[in-house]
Amino acid sequence: MSARIRTIALVCPFLLTACEWFTDFKRQPSIWTWEQVKDSTTPSRGNPQMSVPTSGTAVAGYQVSYGAFPATIDSMAGLRNPTAASDSSLANGRKYFQINCAVCHGDRAMGDGPATGYGMPGINLTTDMTKGRTDGYIFGMIRNGRGLMPPYNRIEELDRWDVVNYLRALQGVNGKTVPVGPLAAPGVTGDKVPGPSRLGPNQPAPFFKPHNNAATSAPAPAPGDTAATRPDSARSRMDSTRASTIR
């Protein structure tokens, strides 16, 4: 075999493996919903102002860590509960309590959940000590976890306050009477399971009011000229005009 053929034989495998010819569009930029592009104050897209919910976190990770330490949870004891103990809040809190908490703490939060039959110590949440905890402290326990309790960040913050309200009702400290026990038989879905996210960015997305924009001085449409009757090219021009007013 000549030196030239040997060289080609050695180089070809590297050339063939260096490039990915058929990616099926698997390699492309992707931004998740509400994912920050640069930092925590720069939104990922410029929605019209107040067009989306702006319910952010009570405390960000850079303010209070997610460490499962007593002092860390104590630092959240002063958080104010922003959710009133309304019927809807208590009903939602019952749902999340049954899904996440009752397995250990029991339906009435008395530490007699099914998991205690398999070696899990029973943690009674109706004792005077727990009743004396603040709403913010209980919120922090759900957020960070501690000891035998894992963190329950899968419960979003707005729902987490509902769990606090429901627990307060089970403790008998907020004057509310609530039903206890499962909402439905195992496997039932619909409104018996968590719904879509209610969280949004901490701040409204920036809104840039158009000034001296040529697109705003476009002639008014003729009578009977609606989006449904315009050609596709005309509709696309109008869509581009709207998009140019918000960047």
Protein backbone atom coordinates (compact mmCIF):
# COMPACT_ATOMS: atom_id res chain seq x y z
CA MET A 1 0.00 0.00 0.00
CA SER A 2 1.41 3.34 -1.04
CA ALA A 3 2.05 6.15 1.42
CA ARG A 4 -0.73 8.23 -0.17
CA ILE A 5 -3.36 5.51 0.33
CA ARG A 6 -2.23 4.95 3.91
CA THR A 7 -2.55 8.67 4.60
CA ILE A 8 -6.08 8.76 3.17
CA ALA A 9 -7.06 5.70 5.18
CA LEU A 10 -5.83 7.32 8.38
CA VAL A 11 -7.42 10.74 7.75
CA CYS A 12 -10.84 9.61 6.53
CA PRO A 13 -12.17 8.38 9.92
CA PHE A 14 -11.34 11.74 11.51
CA LEU A 15 -13.06 13.64 8.69
CA LEU A 16 -16.18 11.51 8.89
CA THR A 17 -16.55 11.82 12.66
CA ALA A 18 -15.69 15.53 12.94
CA CYS A 19 -18.98 16.71 11.41
CA GLU A 20 -22.55 15.88 12.23
CA TRP A 21 -24.30 15.75 8.88
CA PHE A 22 -27.86 14.83 9.87
CA THR A 23 -28.87 16.66 13.05
CA ASP A 24 -32.64 16.70 12.37
CA PHE A 25 -32.65 20.19 13.88
CA LYS A 26 -31.54 18.81 17.25
CA ARG A 27 -28.77 21.39 17.58
CA GLN A 28 -30.40 24.80 17.79
CA PRO A 29 -30.87 27.57 20.36
CA SER A 30 -33.76 27.01 22.76
CA ILE A 31 -35.15 29.19 25.54
CA TRP A 32 -37.52 27.75 28.12
CA THR A 33 -40.54 29.72 29.26
CA TRP A 34 -39.39 32.63 31.47
CA GLU A 35 -35.77 31.51 31.25
CA GLN A 36 -33.48 34.46 31.88
CA VAL A 37 -31.09 35.23 29.06
CA LYS A 38 -28.42 37.11 31.02
CA ASP A 39 -29.35 37.81 34.62
CA SER A 40 -32.30 37.82 36.97
CA THR A 41 -33.45 41.32 35.96
CA THR A 42 -33.39 40.94 32.19
CA PRO A 43 -36.49 39.21 30.81
CA SER A 44 -36.10 36.79 27.96
CA ARG A 45 -38.58 38.53 25.70
CA GLY A 46 -40.32 41.88 25.45
CA ASN A 47 -43.99 41.24 26.14
CA PRO A 48 -46.40 44.16 26.24
CA GLN A 49 -46.35 45.62 29.73
CA MET A 50 -48.58 43.80 32.26
CA SER A 51 -49.65 41.29 29.60
CA VAL A 52 -48.57 38.33 31.74
CA PRO A 53 -48.75 37.50 35.47
CA THR A 54 -45.88 38.88 37.50
CA SER A 55 -45.91 36.63 40.54
CA GLY A 56 -42.30 35.93 41.37
CA THR A 57 -40.55 34.33 44.31
CA ALA A 58 -40.89 35.52 47.90
CA VAL A 59 -37.13 35.19 48.34
CA ALA A 60 -34.67 34.44 45.59
CA GLY A 61 -31.92 31.87 45.93
CA TYR A 62 -29.25 34.57 46.16
CA GLN A 63 -31.12 36.13 49.12
CA VAL A 64 -31.80 32.98 51.13
CA SER A 65 -30.13 29.72 50.20
CA TYR A 66 -31.90 26.42 49.81
CA GLY A 67 -29.79 24.83 52.52
CA ALA A 68 -31.62 22.65 55.03
CA PHE A 69 -30.23 24.44 58.07
CA PRO A 70 -32.14 25.74 61.11
CA ALA A 71 -30.69 29.25 60.85
CA THR A 72 -31.59 29.44 57.15
CA ILE A 73 -35.20 28.49 57.83
CA ASP A 74 -35.32 30.85 60.82
CA SER A 75 -34.34 33.68 58.48
CA MET A 76 -37.62 33.18 56.60
CA ALA A 77 -39.75 33.28 59.74
CA GLY A 78 -40.52 36.95 59.13
CA LEU A 79 -42.02 36.43 55.68
CA ARG A 80 -45.58 37.68 55.51
CA ASN A 81 -48.24 35.33 54.21
CA PRO A 82 -49.67 37.17 51.18
CA THR A 83 -52.60 34.76 50.71
CA ALA A 84 -55.80 35.08 52.70
CA ALA A 85 -57.32 31.87 54.05
CA SER A 86 -60.22 31.95 51.60
CA ASP A 87 -62.28 28.95 50.61
CA SER A 88 -60.37 28.62 47.33
CA SER A 89 -57.01 28.85 49.11
CA LEU A 90 -58.00 26.19 51.65
CA ALA A 91 -59.33 23.90 48.93
CA ASN A 92 -56.11 24.23 46.95
CA GLY A 93 -54.05 23.76 50.11
CA ARG A 94 -55.93 20.56 50.90
CA LYS A 95 -55.10 19.20 47.43
CA TYR A 96 -51.38 19.82 47.79
CA PHE A 97 -51.35 18.66 51.41
CA GLN A 98 -52.94 15.35 50.41
CA ILE A 99 -50.54 14.83 47.50
CA ASN A 100 -47.33 15.74 49.33
CA CYS A 101 -47.78 15.87 53.10
CA ALA A 102 -50.46 13.45 54.28
CA VAL A 103 -48.35 10.38 53.46
CA CYS A 104 -46.14 11.19 56.46
CA HIS A 105 -48.07 13.70 58.57
CA GLY A 106 -51.49 12.10 58.15
CA ASP A 107 -54.80 13.52 56.96
CA ARG A 108 -55.15 15.64 60.11
CA ALA A 109 -51.42 16.47 60.40
CA MET A 110 -51.14 14.42 63.58
CA GLY A 111 -48.14 12.36 62.45
CA ASP A 112 -50.00 9.18 61.63
CA GLY A 113 -49.59 8.96 57.85
CA PRO A 114 -49.22 5.64 56.00
CA ALA A 115 -45.45 6.04 55.80
CA THR A 116 -45.19 5.65 59.58
CA GLY A 117 -46.14 2.01 59.11
CA TYR A 118 -42.89 1.49 57.20
CA GLY A 119 -40.49 3.01 59.71
CA MET A 120 -41.01 6.72 59.12
CA PRO A 121 -41.21 8.56 62.48
CA GLY A 122 -44.52 10.31 62.99
CA ILE A 123 -44.16 14.11 63.02
CA ASN A 124 -47.20 15.73 64.61
CA LEU A 125 -47.82 19.23 63.25
CA THR A 126 -50.63 20.03 65.67
CA THR A 127 -48.42 20.42 68.76
CA ASP A 128 -48.18 23.76 70.56
CA MET A 129 -44.61 24.18 69.35
CA THR A 130 -45.61 23.93 65.68
CA LYS A 131 -48.67 26.08 66.24
CA GLY A 132 -46.34 28.75 67.57
CA ARG A 133 -44.29 28.79 64.37
CA THR A 134 -44.90 31.65 61.97
CA ASP A 135 -46.36 31.20 58.50
CA GLY A 136 -43.01 32.22 57.06
CA TYR A 137 -41.21 29.53 59.03
CA ILE A 138 -43.55 26.81 57.79
CA PHE A 139 -43.17 28.20 54.27
CA GLY A 140 -39.38 27.94 54.67
CA MET A 141 -39.62 24.35 55.91
CA ILE A 142 -41.56 23.39 52.79
CA ARG A 143 -39.08 25.31 50.62
CA ASN A 144 -35.84 23.99 52.11
CA GLY A 145 -36.73 20.85 54.02
CA ARG A 146 -34.83 19.81 57.12
CA GLY A 147 -33.89 16.62 58.88
CA LEU A 148 -36.17 13.81 57.70
CA MET A 149 -38.23 16.16 55.55
CA PRO A 150 -37.03 16.72 51.98
CA PRO A 151 -37.52 20.04 50.20
CA TYR A 152 -40.85 20.38 48.43
CA ASN A 153 -40.03 22.97 45.78
CA ARG A 154 -42.28 21.07 43.42
CA ILE A 155 -45.07 22.91 45.26
CA GLU A 156 -44.97 26.35 43.69
CA GLU A 157 -44.85 29.31 46.01
CA LEU A 158 -48.42 30.48 45.47
CA ASP A 159 -49.65 26.97 46.25
CA ARG A 160 -47.23 26.69 49.17
CA TRP A 161 -48.98 29.52 51.00
CA ASP A 162 -52.26 27.67 50.45
CA VAL A 163 -50.73 24.63 52.15
CA VAL A 164 -49.75 26.85 55.07
CA ASN A 165 -53.33 28.14 55.33
CA TYR A 166 -54.72 24.61 55.23
CA LEU A 167 -52.31 23.44 57.91
CA ARG A 168 -53.31 26.38 60.10
CA ALA A 169 -56.93 25.24 59.75
CA LEU A 170 -55.97 21.70 60.77
CA GLN A 171 -54.17 23.19 63.77
CA GLY A 172 -57.29 25.16 64.65
CA VAL A 173 -55.47 28.50 64.80
CA ASN A 174 -57.17 30.46 62.02
CA GLY A 175 -60.77 29.76 62.88
CA LYS A 176 -61.44 27.81 59.69
CA THR A 177 -63.08 24.40 59.42
CA VAL A 178 -61.80 22.30 56.53
CA PRO A 179 -62.58 18.83 55.16
CA VAL A 180 -59.89 16.21 55.54
CA GLY A 181 -58.87 13.12 53.63
CA PRO A 182 -58.25 12.40 49.95
CA LEU A 183 -60.08 14.47 47.35
CA ALA A 184 -60.73 11.50 45.07
CA ALA A 185 -59.83 7.89 44.43
CA PRO A 186 -56.26 7.14 43.30
CA GLY A 187 -55.70 7.82 39.62
CA VAL A 188 -58.31 10.56 39.27
CA THR A 189 -56.92 13.56 37.42
CA GLY A 190 -58.51 16.81 36.25
CA ASP A 191 -58.76 19.41 39.00
CA LYS A 192 -57.61 16.83 41.57
CA VAL A 193 -53.98 17.16 40.48
CA PRO A 194 -51.70 20.21 40.15
CA GLY A 195 -52.53 22.50 37.25
CA PRO A 196 -50.34 24.73 35.09
CA SER A 197 -47.71 27.01 36.55
CA ARG A 198 -48.90 30.32 37.98
CA LEU A 199 -45.42 31.75 38.38
CA GLY A 200 -44.13 34.49 36.14
CA PRO A 201 -41.20 36.91 36.10
CA ASN A 202 -40.57 39.00 39.20
CA GLN A 203 -40.96 42.22 37.23
CA PRO A 204 -43.19 43.26 34.34
CA ALA A 205 -41.55 42.78 30.96
CA PRO A 206 -40.28 46.07 29.50
CA PHE A 207 -42.63 47.97 27.26
CA PHE A 208 -41.26 50.39 24.68
CA LYS A 209 -43.85 52.88 23.55
CA PRO A 210 -43.39 53.60 19.84
CA HIS A 211 -42.36 57.15 19.01
CA ASN A 212 -42.24 58.54 15.48
CA ASN A 213 -42.68 55.08 14.12
CA ALA A 214 -43.63 55.07 10.48
CA ALA A 215 -45.66 51.95 11.07
CA THR A 216 -48.04 53.83 13.37
CA SER A 217 -48.98 56.21 10.58
CA ALA A 218 -50.11 53.49 8.20
CA PRO A 219 -53.39 54.30 6.42
CA ALA A 220 -56.58 53.03 7.97
CA PRO A 221 -58.04 49.89 6.37
CA ALA A 222 -60.86 50.29 3.92
CA PRO A 223 -64.42 49.46 5.05
CA GLY A 224 -64.94 45.71 5.10
CA ASP A 225 -61.20 45.10 5.09
CA THR A 226 -60.71 42.56 7.87
CA ALA A 227 -57.89 40.19 8.74
CA ALA A 228 -59.94 37.31 7.40
CA THR A 229 -60.34 38.90 3.95
CA ARG A 230 -56.81 40.23 3.43
CA PRO A 231 -54.31 38.23 1.39
CA ASP A 232 -51.65 36.39 3.33
CA SER A 233 -49.03 38.91 2.24
CA ALA A 234 -51.06 41.81 3.66
CA ARG A 235 -51.65 40.00 6.95
CA SER A 236 -47.97 39.23 7.28
CA ARG A 237 -47.09 42.90 6.68
CA MET A 238 -49.46 43.96 9.44
CA ASP A 239 -48.03 41.32 11.78
CA SER A 240 -44.56 42.66 11.08
CA THR A 241 -45.81 46.18 11.78
CA ARG A 242 -47.17 45.15 15.17
CA ALA A 243 -43.97 43.30 16.04
CA SER A 244 -41.86 46.35 15.19
CA THR A 245 -43.59 48.42 17.85
CA ILE A 246 -42.34 46.13 20.65
CA ARG A 247 -38.76 45.09 20.74
